[in-house]
Amino acid sequence: MSDTELMFAVAAGDESAKAAIIDRHRPRVVRAAARKLDQAAAEAVADRVFTRIFQFANQFDPAKAELGAWITWLVSRLTANEVRGRAA
């Protein structure tokens, strides 16, 4: 299944689609967050990324952005927030 098909399945309540998205994208999300955070914090950021993705799955519009782009944007934002929070 494509990311778009999986997101539509998530929006319809398919738990296996959530697992497929996590399996496909989590390693990249953790790696991206770990560039600026320790491993535990990177894992926590990844958890928040997927929580947000699934929370707003019904608003996903592949015409606006692909899932990968949305994930990249979220991990960037949430990692930056975490870095700022630790610096304060």
PDB file of N, CA and C in Angstrom:
ATOM      1  N   MET A   1       0.836  -1.190   0.000  1.00  0.00           N
ATOM      2  CA  MET A   1       0.000   0.000   0.000  1.00  0.00           C
ATOM      3  C   MET A   1       0.878   1.250   0.000  1.00  0.00           C
ATOM      4  N   SER A   2       0.429   2.263  -0.667  1.00  0.00           N
ATOM      5  CA  SER A   2       1.150   3.538  -0.672  1.00  0.00           C
ATOM      6  C   SER A   2       0.883   4.273   0.646  1.00  0.00           C
ATOM      7  N   ASP A   3       1.691   5.276   0.921  1.00  0.00           N
ATOM      8  CA  ASP A   3       1.465   6.097   2.110  1.00  0.00           C
ATOM      9  C   ASP A   3       0.086   6.742   2.080  1.00  0.00           C
ATOM     10  N   THR A   4      -0.324   7.194   0.920  1.00  0.00           N
ATOM     11  CA  THR A   4      -1.639   7.829   0.794  1.00  0.00           C
ATOM     12  C   THR A   4      -2.748   6.842   1.136  1.00  0.00           C
ATOM     13  N   GLU A   5      -2.662   5.642   0.594  1.00  0.00           N
ATOM     14  CA  GLU A   5      -3.670   4.621   0.898  1.00  0.00           C
ATOM     15  C   GLU A   5      -3.667   4.288   2.387  1.00  0.00           C
ATOM     16  N   LEU A   6      -2.482   4.200   2.960  1.00  0.00           N
ATOM     17  CA  LEU A   6      -2.392   3.911   4.391  1.00  0.00           C
ATOM     18  C   LEU A   6      -3.020   5.024   5.225  1.00  0.00           C
ATOM     19  N   MET A   7      -2.784   6.267   4.855  1.00  0.00           N
ATOM     20  CA  MET A   7      -3.367   7.373   5.617  1.00  0.00           C
ATOM     21  C   MET A   7      -4.886   7.388   5.520  1.00  0.00           C
ATOM     22  N   PHE A   8      -5.418   7.079   4.359  1.00  0.00           N
ATOM     23  CA  PHE A   8      -6.873   6.997   4.241  1.00  0.00           C
ATOM     24  C   PHE A   8      -7.412   5.854   5.092  1.00  0.00           C
ATOM     25  N   ALA A   9      -6.669   4.755   5.174  1.00  0.00           N
ATOM     26  CA  ALA A   9      -7.067   3.629   6.020  1.00  0.00           C
ATOM     27  C   ALA A   9      -7.002   4.019   7.498  1.00  0.00           C
ATOM     28  N   VAL A  10      -5.972   4.759   7.883  1.00  0.00           N
ATOM     29  CA  VAL A  10      -5.867   5.244   9.267  1.00  0.00           C
ATOM     30  C   VAL A  10      -7.069   6.126   9.590  1.00  0.00           C
ATOM     31  N   ALA A  11      -7.411   7.019   8.687  1.00  0.00           N
ATOM     32  CA  ALA A  11      -8.555   7.911   8.899  1.00  0.00           C
ATOM     33  C   ALA A  11      -9.851   7.125   9.065  1.00  0.00           C
ATOM     34  N   ALA A  12      -9.900   5.937   8.453  1.00  0.00           N
ATOM     35  CA  ALA A  12     -11.081   5.080   8.562  1.00  0.00           C
ATOM     36  C   ALA A  12     -11.019   4.174   9.793  1.00  0.00           C
ATOM     37  N   GLY A  13      -9.931   4.288  10.575  1.00  0.00           N
ATOM     38  CA  GLY A  13      -9.836   3.524  11.812  1.00  0.00           C
ATOM     39  C   GLY A  13      -9.049   2.230  11.741  1.00  0.00           C
ATOM     40  N   ASP A  14      -8.298   2.027  10.688  1.00  0.00           N
ATOM     41  CA  ASP A  14      -7.537   0.787  10.500  1.00  0.00           C
ATOM     42  C   ASP A  14      -6.243   0.817  11.314  1.00  0.00           C
ATOM     43  N   GLU A  15      -6.196   0.039  12.391  1.00  0.00           N
ATOM     44  CA  GLU A  15      -5.018  -0.004  13.267  1.00  0.00           C
ATOM     45  C   GLU A  15      -3.807  -0.615  12.567  1.00  0.00           C
ATOM     46  N   SER A  16      -4.028  -1.559  11.667  1.00  0.00           N
ATOM     47  CA  SER A  16      -2.889  -2.172  10.969  1.00  0.00           C
ATOM     48  C   SER A  16      -2.222  -1.162  10.031  1.00  0.00           C
ATOM     49  N   ALA A  17      -2.980  -0.203   9.535  1.00  0.00           N
ATOM     50  CA  ALA A  17      -2.399   0.853   8.700  1.00  0.00           C
ATOM     51  C   ALA A  17      -1.493   1.749   9.540  1.00  0.00           C
ATOM     52  N   LYS A  18      -1.883   2.013  10.784  1.00  0.00           N
ATOM     53  CA  LYS A  18      -1.019   2.781  11.684  1.00  0.00           C
ATOM     54  C   LYS A  18       0.310   2.063  11.875  1.00  0.00           C
ATOM     55  N   ALA A  19       0.230   0.773  12.141  1.00  0.00           N
ATOM     56  CA  ALA A  19       1.449  -0.018  12.358  1.00  0.00           C
ATOM     57  C   ALA A  19       2.334  -0.001  11.120  1.00  0.00           C
ATOM     58  N   ALA A  20       1.729  -0.071   9.950  1.00  0.00           N
ATOM     59  CA  ALA A  20       2.502  -0.059   8.704  1.00  0.00           C
ATOM     60  C   ALA A  20       3.218   1.278   8.510  1.00  0.00           C
ATOM     61  N   ILE A  21       2.548   2.367   8.827  1.00  0.00           N
ATOM     62  CA  ILE A  21       3.172   3.687   8.700  1.00  0.00           C
ATOM     63  C   ILE A  21       4.335   3.817   9.680  1.00  0.00           C
ATOM     64  N   ILE A  22       4.118   3.384  10.907  1.00  0.00           N
ATOM     65  CA  ILE A  22       5.190   3.445  11.904  1.00  0.00           C
ATOM     66  C   ILE A  22       6.374   2.595  11.462  1.00  0.00           C
ATOM     67  N   ASP A  23       6.115   1.376  11.023  1.00  0.00           N
ATOM     68  CA  ASP A  23       7.203   0.492  10.569  1.00  0.00           C
ATOM     69  C   ASP A  23       7.982   1.121   9.423  1.00  0.00           C
ATOM     70  N   ARG A  24       7.291   1.774   8.540  1.00  0.00           N
ATOM     71  CA  ARG A  24       7.917   2.355   7.350  1.00  0.00           C
ATOM     72  C   ARG A  24       8.726   3.614   7.669  1.00  0.00           C
ATOM     73  N   HIS A  25       8.228   4.450   8.560  1.00  0.00           N
ATOM     74  CA  HIS A  25       8.815   5.782   8.740  1.00  0.00           C
ATOM     75  C   HIS A  25       9.559   6.010  10.057  1.00  0.00           C
ATOM     76  N   ARG A  26       9.301   5.209  11.074  1.00  0.00           N
ATOM     77  CA  ARG A  26       9.908   5.471  12.388  1.00  0.00           C
ATOM     78  C   ARG A  26      11.436   5.505  12.355  1.00  0.00           C
ATOM     79  N   PRO A  27      12.120   4.573  11.688  1.00  0.00           N
ATOM     80  CA  PRO A  27      13.593   4.641  11.701  1.00  0.00           C
ATOM     81  C   PRO A  27      14.125   5.988  11.200  1.00  0.00           C
ATOM     82  N   ARG A  28      13.537   6.510  10.145  1.00  0.00           N
ATOM     83  CA  ARG A  28      13.969   7.802   9.595  1.00  0.00           C
ATOM     84  C   ARG A  28      13.663   8.946  10.558  1.00  0.00           C
ATOM     85  N   VAL A  29      12.523   8.877  11.210  1.00  0.00           N
ATOM     86  CA  VAL A  29      12.138   9.921  12.161  1.00  0.00           C
ATOM     87  C   VAL A  29      13.108   9.945  13.342  1.00  0.00           C
ATOM     88  N   VAL A  30      13.408   8.770  13.882  1.00  0.00           N
ATOM     89  CA  VAL A  30      14.324   8.699  15.022  1.00  0.00           C
ATOM     90  C   VAL A  30      15.714   9.187  14.615  1.00  0.00           C
ATOM     91  N   ARG A  31      16.189   8.765  13.453  1.00  0.00           N
ATOM     92  CA  ARG A  31      17.508   9.220  12.984  1.00  0.00           C
ATOM     93  C   ARG A  31      17.557  10.740  12.858  1.00  0.00           C
ATOM     94  N   ALA A  32      16.510  11.318  12.289  1.00  0.00           N
ATOM     95  CA  ALA A  32      16.480  12.775  12.107  1.00  0.00           C
ATOM     96  C   ALA A  32      16.494  13.490  13.458  1.00  0.00           C
ATOM     97  N   ALA A  33      15.690  13.031  14.390  1.00  0.00           N
ATOM     98  CA  ALA A  33      15.642  13.671  15.709  1.00  0.00           C
ATOM     99  C   ALA A  33      16.950  13.459  16.472  1.00  0.00           C
ATOM    100  N   ALA A  34      17.576  12.305  16.284  1.00  0.00           N
ATOM    101  CA  ALA A  34      18.813  11.979  17.010  1.00  0.00           C
ATOM    102  C   ALA A  34      20.004  12.810  16.539  1.00  0.00           C
ATOM    103  N   ARG A  35      19.865  13.510  15.445  1.00  0.00           N
ATOM    104  CA  ARG A  35      20.942  14.411  15.015  1.00  0.00           C
ATOM    105  C   ARG A  35      21.135  15.557  16.005  1.00  0.00           C
ATOM    106  N   LYS A  36      20.052  15.901  16.724  1.00  0.00           N
ATOM    107  CA  LYS A  36      20.125  17.029  17.656  1.00  0.00           C
ATOM    108  C   LYS A  36      19.810  16.634  19.093  1.00  0.00           C
ATOM    109  N   LEU A  37      19.315  15.411  19.289  1.00  0.00           N
ATOM    110  CA  LEU A  37      18.888  14.971  20.616  1.00  0.00           C
ATOM    111  C   LEU A  37      19.525  13.632  20.960  1.00  0.00           C
ATOM    112  N   ASP A  38      19.500  13.283  22.254  1.00  0.00           N
ATOM    113  CA  ASP A  38      19.954  11.946  22.625  1.00  0.00           C
ATOM    114  C   ASP A  38      18.903  10.924  22.186  1.00  0.00           C
ATOM    115  N   GLN A  39      19.249   9.663  22.263  1.00  0.00           N
ATOM    116  CA  GLN A  39      18.389   8.600  21.730  1.00  0.00           C
ATOM    117  C   GLN A  39      17.014   8.579  22.399  1.00  0.00           C
ATOM    118  N   ALA A  40      16.983   8.705  23.721  1.00  0.00           N
ATOM    119  CA  ALA A  40      15.699   8.667  24.431  1.00  0.00           C
ATOM    120  C   ALA A  40      14.795   9.823  24.005  1.00  0.00           C
ATOM    121  N   ALA A  41      15.361  11.001  23.894  1.00  0.00           N
ATOM    122  CA  ALA A  41      14.569  12.160  23.466  1.00  0.00           C
ATOM    123  C   ALA A  41      14.125  12.006  22.018  1.00  0.00           C
ATOM    124  N   ALA A  42      14.986  11.441  21.174  1.00  0.00           N
ATOM    125  CA  ALA A  42      14.624  11.213  19.769  1.00  0.00           C
ATOM    126  C   ALA A  42      13.461  10.233  19.668  1.00  0.00           C
ATOM    127  N   GLU A  43      13.479   9.195  20.490  1.00  0.00           N
ATOM    128  CA  GLU A  43      12.368   8.228  20.511  1.00  0.00           C
ATOM    129  C   GLU A  43      11.078   8.909  20.961  1.00  0.00           C
ATOM    130  N   ALA A  44      11.186   9.788  21.949  1.00  0.00           N
ATOM    131  CA  ALA A  44      10.007  10.512  22.433  1.00  0.00           C
ATOM    132  C   ALA A  44       9.453  11.436  21.353  1.00  0.00           C
ATOM    133  N   VAL A  45      10.334  12.096  20.619  1.00  0.00           N
ATOM    134  CA  VAL A  45       9.893  12.942  19.506  1.00  0.00           C
ATOM    135  C   VAL A  45       9.178  12.086  18.466  1.00  0.00           C
ATOM    136  N   ALA A  46       9.727  10.929  18.152  1.00  0.00           N
ATOM    137  CA  ALA A  46       9.087  10.039  17.175  1.00  0.00           C
ATOM    138  C   ALA A  46       7.686   9.660  17.633  1.00  0.00           C
ATOM    139  N   ASP A  47       7.542   9.351  18.908  1.00  0.00           N
ATOM    140  CA  ASP A  47       6.211   9.024  19.433  1.00  0.00           C
ATOM    141  C   ASP A  47       5.244  10.183  19.212  1.00  0.00           C
ATOM    142  N   ARG A  48       5.702  11.401  19.483  1.00  0.00           N
ATOM    143  CA  ARG A  48       4.834  12.572  19.305  1.00  0.00           C
ATOM    144  C   ARG A  48       4.505  12.817  17.834  1.00  0.00           C
ATOM    145  N   VAL A  49       5.479  12.585  16.960  1.00  0.00           N
ATOM    146  CA  VAL A  49       5.229  12.748  15.518  1.00  0.00           C
ATOM    147  C   VAL A  49       4.077  11.844  15.089  1.00  0.00           C
ATOM    148  N   PHE A  50       4.144  10.568  15.452  1.00  0.00           N
ATOM    149  CA  PHE A  50       3.108   9.645  14.998  1.00  0.00           C
ATOM    150  C   PHE A  50       1.773   9.890  15.696  1.00  0.00           C
ATOM    151  N   THR A  51       1.820  10.330  16.937  1.00  0.00           N
ATOM    152  CA  THR A  51       0.574  10.691  17.617  1.00  0.00           C
ATOM    153  C   THR A  51      -0.126  11.816  16.857  1.00  0.00           C
ATOM    154  N   ARG A  52       0.630  12.827  16.461  1.00  0.00           N
ATOM    155  CA  ARG A  52       0.047  13.952  15.707  1.00  0.00           C
ATOM    156  C   ARG A  52      -0.458  13.508  14.337  1.00  0.00           C
ATOM    157  N   ILE A  53       0.350  12.719  13.647  1.00  0.00           N
ATOM    158  CA  ILE A  53      -0.051  12.237  12.314  1.00  0.00           C
ATOM    159  C   ILE A  53      -1.397  11.520  12.405  1.00  0.00           C
ATOM    160  N   PHE A  54      -1.521  10.640  13.385  1.00  0.00           N
ATOM    161  CA  PHE A  54      -2.751   9.859  13.494  1.00  0.00           C
ATOM    162  C   PHE A  54      -3.909  10.692  14.032  1.00  0.00           C
ATOM    163  N   GLN A  55      -3.613  11.651  14.880  1.00  0.00           N
ATOM    164  CA  GLN A  55      -4.652  12.527  15.417  1.00  0.00           C
ATOM    165  C   GLN A  55      -5.327  13.329  14.302  1.00  0.00           C
ATOM    166  N   PHE A  56      -4.539  13.714  13.301  1.00  0.00           N
ATOM    167  CA  PHE A  56      -5.059  14.548  12.219  1.00  0.00           C
ATOM    168  C   PHE A  56      -5.145  13.804  10.889  1.00  0.00           C
ATOM    169  N   ALA A  57      -5.212  12.488  10.940  1.00  0.00           N
ATOM    170  CA  ALA A  57      -5.245  11.677   9.711  1.00  0.00           C
ATOM    171  C   ALA A  57      -6.425  12.043   8.815  1.00  0.00           C
ATOM    172  N   ASN A  58      -7.537  12.403   9.414  1.00  0.00           N
ATOM    173  CA  ASN A  58      -8.714  12.742   8.601  1.00  0.00           C
ATOM    174  C   ASN A  58      -8.537  14.055   7.839  1.00  0.00           C
ATOM    175  N   GLN A  59      -7.505  14.840   8.191  1.00  0.00           N
ATOM    176  CA  GLN A  59      -7.234  16.093   7.486  1.00  0.00           C
ATOM    177  C   GLN A  59      -6.133  15.942   6.436  1.00  0.00           C
ATOM    178  N   PHE A  60      -5.567  14.748   6.341  1.00  0.00           N
ATOM    179  CA  PHE A  60      -4.488  14.511   5.381  1.00  0.00           C
ATOM    180  C   PHE A  60      -4.995  14.737   3.964  1.00  0.00           C
ATOM    181  N   ASP A  61      -4.259  15.548   3.209  1.00  0.00           N
ATOM    182  CA  ASP A  61      -4.610  15.838   1.818  1.00  0.00           C
ATOM    183  C   ASP A  61      -3.363  15.648   0.960  1.00  0.00           C
ATOM    184  N   PRO A  62      -3.289  14.545   0.216  1.00  0.00           N
ATOM    185  CA  PRO A  62      -2.094  14.288  -0.587  1.00  0.00           C
ATOM    186  C   PRO A  62      -1.873  15.324  -1.685  1.00  0.00           C
ATOM    187  N   ALA A  63      -2.882  16.115  -2.001  1.00  0.00           N
ATOM    188  CA  ALA A  63      -2.705  17.175  -2.994  1.00  0.00           C
ATOM    189  C   ALA A  63      -1.886  18.334  -2.414  1.00  0.00           C
ATOM    190  N   LYS A  64      -1.897  18.474  -1.086  1.00  0.00           N
ATOM    191  CA  LYS A  64      -1.140  19.548  -0.435  1.00  0.00           C
ATOM    192  C   LYS A  64       0.289  19.126  -0.128  1.00  0.00           C
ATOM    193  N   ALA A  65       0.460  17.893   0.341  1.00  0.00           N
ATOM    194  CA  ALA A  65       1.802  17.397   0.683  1.00  0.00           C
ATOM    195  C   ALA A  65       1.756  15.887   0.833  1.00  0.00           C
ATOM    196  N   GLU A  66       2.845  15.252   0.470  1.00  0.00           N
ATOM    197  CA  GLU A  66       2.962  13.814   0.680  1.00  0.00           C
ATOM    198  C   GLU A  66       3.178  13.551   2.162  1.00  0.00           C
ATOM    199  N   LEU A  67       2.867  12.345   2.590  1.00  0.00           N
ATOM    200  CA  LEU A  67       3.041  11.989   3.992  1.00  0.00           C
ATOM    201  C   LEU A  67       4.488  12.184   4.429  1.00  0.00           C
ATOM    202  N   GLY A  68       5.437  11.781   3.611  1.00  0.00           N
ATOM    203  CA  GLY A  68       6.850  11.932   3.968  1.00  0.00           C
ATOM    204  C   GLY A  68       7.225  13.376   4.241  1.00  0.00           C
ATOM    205  N   ALA A  69       6.690  14.291   3.460  1.00  0.00           N
ATOM    206  CA  ALA A  69       6.964  15.720   3.669  1.00  0.00           C
ATOM    207  C   ALA A  69       6.344  16.201   4.974  1.00  0.00           C
ATOM    208  N   TRP A  70       5.144  15.747   5.256  1.00  0.00           N
ATOM    209  CA  TRP A  70       4.462  16.114   6.497  1.00  0.00           C
ATOM    210  C   TRP A  70       5.263  15.600   7.698  1.00  0.00           C
ATOM    211  N   ILE A  71       5.712  14.363   7.610  1.00  0.00           N
ATOM    212  CA  ILE A  71       6.509  13.780   8.687  1.00  0.00           C
ATOM    213  C   ILE A  71       7.806  14.560   8.871  1.00  0.00           C
ATOM    214  N   THR A  72       8.479  14.879   7.780  1.00  0.00           N
ATOM    215  CA  THR A  72       9.732  15.633   7.861  1.00  0.00           C
ATOM    216  C   THR A  72       9.507  16.980   8.532  1.00  0.00           C
ATOM    217  N   TRP A  73       8.454  17.671   8.160  1.00  0.00           N
ATOM    218  CA  TRP A  73       8.128  18.959   8.767  1.00  0.00           C
ATOM    219  C   TRP A  73       7.860  18.802  10.260  1.00  0.00           C
ATOM    220  N   LEU A  74       7.065  17.794  10.624  1.00  0.00           N
ATOM    221  CA  LEU A  74       6.739  17.588  12.035  1.00  0.00           C
ATOM    222  C   LEU A  74       7.968  17.249  12.864  1.00  0.00           C
ATOM    223  N   VAL A  75       8.806  16.346  12.371  1.00  0.00           N
ATOM    224  CA  VAL A  75       9.988  15.968  13.148  1.00  0.00           C
ATOM    225  C   VAL A  75      10.910  17.170  13.313  1.00  0.00           C
ATOM    226  N   SER A  76      11.008  17.999  12.300  1.00  0.00           N
ATOM    227  CA  SER A  76      11.826  19.201  12.398  1.00  0.00           C
ATOM    228  C   SER A  76      11.283  20.142  13.471  1.00  0.00           C
ATOM    229  N   ARG A  77      10.001  20.389  13.437  1.00  0.00           N
ATOM    230  CA  ARG A  77       9.363  21.296  14.406  1.00  0.00           C
ATOM    231  C   ARG A  77       9.456  20.758  15.826  1.00  0.00           C
ATOM    232  N   LEU A  78       9.116  19.488  16.005  1.00  0.00           N
ATOM    233  CA  LEU A  78       9.104  18.919  17.349  1.00  0.00           C
ATOM    234  C   LEU A  78      10.509  18.772  17.918  1.00  0.00           C
ATOM    235  N   THR A  79      11.473  18.473  17.067  1.00  0.00           N
ATOM    236  CA  THR A  79      12.866  18.406  17.520  1.00  0.00           C
ATOM    237  C   THR A  79      13.343  19.794  17.946  1.00  0.00           C
ATOM    238  N   ALA A  80      13.046  20.800  17.151  1.00  0.00           N
ATOM    239  CA  ALA A  80      13.433  22.171  17.501  1.00  0.00           C
ATOM    240  C   ALA A  80      12.789  22.595  18.818  1.00  0.00           C
ATOM    241  N   ASN A  81      11.528  22.250  19.015  1.00  0.00           N
ATOM    242  CA  ASN A  81      10.852  22.571  20.273  1.00  0.00           C
ATOM    243  C   ASN A  81      11.551  21.903  21.452  1.00  0.00           C
ATOM    244  N   GLU A  82      11.936  20.659  21.270  1.00  0.00           N
ATOM    245  CA  GLU A  82      12.624  19.913  22.329  1.00  0.00           C
ATOM    246  C   GLU A  82      13.983  20.543  22.639  1.00  0.00           C
ATOM    247  N   VAL A  83      14.721  20.911  21.614  1.00  0.00           N
ATOM    248  CA  VAL A  83      16.029  21.549  21.814  1.00  0.00           C
ATOM    249  C   VAL A  83      15.851  22.870  22.564  1.00  0.00           C
ATOM    250  N   ARG A  84      14.878  23.672  22.159  1.00  0.00           N
ATOM    251  CA  ARG A  84      14.613  24.948  22.843  1.00  0.00           C
ATOM    252  C   ARG A  84      14.223  24.716  24.300  1.00  0.00           C
ATOM    253  N   GLY A  85      13.394  23.706  24.522  1.00  0.00           N
ATOM    254  CA  GLY A  85      12.957  23.398  25.887  1.00  0.00           C
ATOM    255  C   GLY A  85      14.109  22.987  26.786  1.00  0.00           C
ATOM    256  N   ARG A  86      15.059  22.277  26.241  1.00  0.00           N
ATOM    257  CA  ARG A  86      16.215  21.838  27.033  1.00  0.00           C
ATOM    258  C   ARG A  86      17.176  22.988  27.288  1.00  0.00           C
ATOM    259  N   ALA A  87      17.193  23.969  26.399  1.00  0.00           N
ATOM    260  CA  ALA A  87      18.105  25.105  26.551  1.00  0.00           C
ATOM    261  C   ALA A  87      17.580  26.119  27.576  1.00  0.00           C
ATOM    262  N   ALA A  88      16.277  26.096  27.795  1.00  0.00           N
ATOM    263  CA  ALA A  88      15.660  27.088  28.697  1.00  0.00           C
ATOM    264  C   ALA A  88      15.925  26.791  30.157  1.00  0.00           C
TER     265      ALA A  88
END
